[in-house]
Structure formats: structure tokens, C-alpha cells
Amino acid sequence: MTAHPYERWHSTLYPFLVSKMEELQLLGYPEATTAEVWSYLLHKKWKKPKEDVFLHQLVQDVMSVSVSGYMTFLTVEAYKAPAFDLKGLT
């Protein structure tokens, strides 16, 4: 699997990811992380990356992440994960 073209912007966008994570935590989602927000952006918002994207557009995308979009993404990802097996715990 090739790296996403916007991966090169991660360190530049990190302060905005922290800000969005803190906002989500203040809105009642204390488990929100910068890694989850980044994953949401890469796999949902930036599914089809543009070649000539500007930094301010990426910042806008980070800051416009909605709670509903973020939570829907996490829910779908949880359903895609392998089922948890309790058989070996008894």
C-alpha cells in the first residue's frame, strides 16, 4: 500500500489536529485522539486527494471535522474490525 499524498503535511497540520482533538473532548468525546482524527481525514475526507492542494485547504478540512462525521467513521471502522472472541477467557 502506498502512502497517502497528504502524509507529508502531518507534522505541519499536527497543531490543528490537537486543536480538533481538544474540541471533540470538550464536546463529550474524551477518547478522541489526534491519530483517529488524522485517520478520519485520510480515509474519509481525503479519499480522493487533489494534486494541487494548498495548505490552507487542508487546515480548513481539519478544522471543519464534524462530530457526526467523525463518530460515523469510528462506528463503521469498529464494525469492520474482527469480532472480539471471549472463548479463551473462561
C-alpha atoms as a PDB file:
ATOM      1  CA  MET A   1       0.000   0.000   0.000  1.00  0.00           C
ATOM      2  CA  THR A   2       1.353   3.390  -0.969  1.00  0.00           C
ATOM      3  CA  ALA A   3       1.464   6.300   1.410  1.00  0.00           C
ATOM      4  CA  HIS A   4      -1.281   8.897   1.161  1.00  0.00           C
ATOM      5  CA  PRO A   5      -0.046  12.036  -0.667  1.00  0.00           C
ATOM      6  CA  TYR A   6      -1.043  14.254   2.263  1.00  0.00           C
ATOM      7  CA  GLU A   7       1.098  12.304   4.774  1.00  0.00           C
ATOM      8  CA  ARG A   8       3.868  14.830   4.129  1.00  0.00           C
ATOM      9  CA  TRP A   9       1.681  17.503   5.751  1.00  0.00           C
ATOM     10  CA  HIS A  10       1.147  15.608   9.030  1.00  0.00           C
ATOM     11  CA  SER A  11       3.731  17.458  11.120  1.00  0.00           C
ATOM     12  CA  THR A  12       2.589  20.839   9.775  1.00  0.00           C
ATOM     13  CA  LEU A  13      -1.054  20.036  10.488  1.00  0.00           C
ATOM     14  CA  TYR A  14      -0.381  18.494  13.897  1.00  0.00           C
ATOM     15  CA  PRO A  15      -1.234  21.659  15.930  1.00  0.00           C
ATOM     16  CA  PHE A  16      -4.613  21.780  14.161  1.00  0.00           C
ATOM     17  CA  LEU A  17      -5.165  18.074  14.842  1.00  0.00           C
ATOM     18  CA  VAL A  18      -4.519  18.738  18.543  1.00  0.00           C
ATOM     19  CA  SER A  19      -6.984  21.621  18.484  1.00  0.00           C
ATOM     20  CA  LYS A  20      -9.664  19.450  16.852  1.00  0.00           C
ATOM     21  CA  MET A  21      -8.994  16.612  19.313  1.00  0.00           C
ATOM     22  CA  GLU A  22      -9.385  19.013  22.250  1.00  0.00           C
ATOM     23  CA  GLU A  23     -12.628  20.350  20.759  1.00  0.00           C
ATOM     24  CA  LEU A  24     -14.026  16.815  20.421  1.00  0.00           C
ATOM     25  CA  GLN A  25     -13.016  16.072  24.014  1.00  0.00           C
ATOM     26  CA  LEU A  26     -14.755  19.235  25.232  1.00  0.00           C
ATOM     27  CA  LEU A  27     -17.884  18.178  23.350  1.00  0.00           C
ATOM     28  CA  GLY A  28     -18.054  14.942  25.337  1.00  0.00           C
ATOM     29  CA  TYR A  29     -15.775  12.552  23.469  1.00  0.00           C
ATOM     30  CA  PRO A  30     -12.852  12.154  25.902  1.00  0.00           C
ATOM     31  CA  GLU A  31     -11.399   9.201  23.992  1.00  0.00           C
ATOM     32  CA  ALA A  32     -10.776  11.266  20.829  1.00  0.00           C
ATOM     33  CA  THR A  33      -7.161  11.216  19.641  1.00  0.00           C
ATOM     34  CA  THR A  34      -5.153  13.044  17.026  1.00  0.00           C
ATOM     35  CA  ALA A  35      -4.436   9.686  15.359  1.00  0.00           C
ATOM     36  CA  GLU A  36      -8.163   8.984  14.948  1.00  0.00           C
ATOM     37  CA  VAL A  37      -8.825  12.455  13.552  1.00  0.00           C
ATOM     38  CA  TRP A  38      -5.922  12.006  11.116  1.00  0.00           C
ATOM     39  CA  SER A  39      -7.207   8.576  10.104  1.00  0.00           C
ATOM     40  CA  TYR A  40     -10.685  10.026   9.503  1.00  0.00           C
ATOM     41  CA  LEU A  41      -9.219  12.715   7.279  1.00  0.00           C
ATOM     42  CA  LEU A  42      -7.034  10.329   5.275  1.00  0.00           C
ATOM     43  CA  HIS A  43      -9.641   7.612   4.785  1.00  0.00           C
ATOM     44  CA  LYS A  44     -12.854   9.618   4.533  1.00  0.00           C
ATOM     45  CA  LYS A  45     -12.391  13.335   3.875  1.00  0.00           C
ATOM     46  CA  TRP A  46      -9.314  12.953   1.645  1.00  0.00           C
ATOM     47  CA  LYS A  47     -10.263   9.673  -0.010  1.00  0.00           C
ATOM     48  CA  LYS A  48      -9.589  11.278  -3.391  1.00  0.00           C
ATOM     49  CA  PRO A  49      -6.620  13.622  -2.863  1.00  0.00           C
ATOM     50  CA  LYS A  50      -6.081  16.622  -5.110  1.00  0.00           C
ATOM     51  CA  GLU A  51      -2.721  17.137  -6.792  1.00  0.00           C
ATOM     52  CA  ASP A  52      -2.582  20.892  -6.351  1.00  0.00           C
ATOM     53  CA  VAL A  53      -3.904  21.258  -2.814  1.00  0.00           C
ATOM     54  CA  PHE A  54      -2.932  24.251  -0.696  1.00  0.00           C
ATOM     55  CA  LEU A  55      -2.064  24.119   2.988  1.00  0.00           C
ATOM     56  CA  HIS A  56      -4.928  26.432   3.939  1.00  0.00           C
ATOM     57  CA  GLN A  57      -7.373  23.967   2.329  1.00  0.00           C
ATOM     58  CA  LEU A  58      -6.034  21.125   4.462  1.00  0.00           C
ATOM     59  CA  VAL A  59      -6.236  23.273   7.603  1.00  0.00           C
ATOM     60  CA  GLN A  60      -9.850  24.098   6.709  1.00  0.00           C
ATOM     61  CA  ASP A  61     -10.579  20.373   6.321  1.00  0.00           C
ATOM     62  CA  VAL A  62      -9.110  19.599   9.751  1.00  0.00           C
ATOM     63  CA  MET A  63     -10.962  22.412  11.473  1.00  0.00           C
ATOM     64  CA  SER A  64     -14.270  21.542   9.806  1.00  0.00           C
ATOM     65  CA  VAL A  65     -14.358  17.921  11.013  1.00  0.00           C
ATOM     66  CA  SER A  66     -17.827  17.447  12.494  1.00  0.00           C
ATOM     67  CA  VAL A  67     -18.647  15.300  15.498  1.00  0.00           C
ATOM     68  CA  SER A  68     -21.227  13.355  13.497  1.00  0.00           C
ATOM     69  CA  GLY A  69     -18.844  12.636  10.610  1.00  0.00           C
ATOM     70  CA  TYR A  70     -16.061  11.624  12.980  1.00  0.00           C
ATOM     71  CA  MET A  71     -18.309   9.345  15.063  1.00  0.00           C
ATOM     72  CA  THR A  72     -19.873   7.741  11.980  1.00  0.00           C
ATOM     73  CA  PHE A  73     -16.387   6.971  10.676  1.00  0.00           C
ATOM     74  CA  LEU A  74     -15.343   5.396  14.001  1.00  0.00           C
ATOM     75  CA  THR A  75     -18.540   3.328  14.141  1.00  0.00           C
ATOM     76  CA  VAL A  76     -18.058   1.974  10.619  1.00  0.00           C
ATOM     77  CA  GLU A  77     -14.402   1.184  11.356  1.00  0.00           C
ATOM     78  CA  ALA A  78     -15.432  -0.672  14.521  1.00  0.00           C
ATOM     79  CA  TYR A  79     -17.843  -2.806  12.520  1.00  0.00           C
ATOM     80  CA  LYS A  80     -15.083  -3.611  10.027  1.00  0.00           C
ATOM     81  CA  ALA A  81     -12.735  -4.823  12.793  1.00  0.00           C
ATOM     82  CA  PRO A  82     -12.617  -8.546  13.555  1.00  0.00           C
ATOM     83  CA  ALA A  83     -15.089  -9.654  16.199  1.00  0.00           C
ATOM     84  CA  PHE A  84     -13.763  -9.890  19.756  1.00  0.00           C
ATOM     85  CA  ASP A  85     -13.532 -13.519  20.888  1.00  0.00           C
ATOM     86  CA  LEU A  86     -14.368 -14.357  24.526  1.00  0.00           C
ATOM     87  CA  LYS A  87     -13.897 -18.136  24.142  1.00  0.00           C
ATOM     88  CA  GLY A  88     -10.395 -18.240  25.585  1.00  0.00           C
ATOM     89  CA  LEU A  89     -11.244 -16.148  28.648  1.00  0.00           C
ATOM     90  CA  THR A  90     -13.357 -18.671  30.580  1.00  0.00           C
END
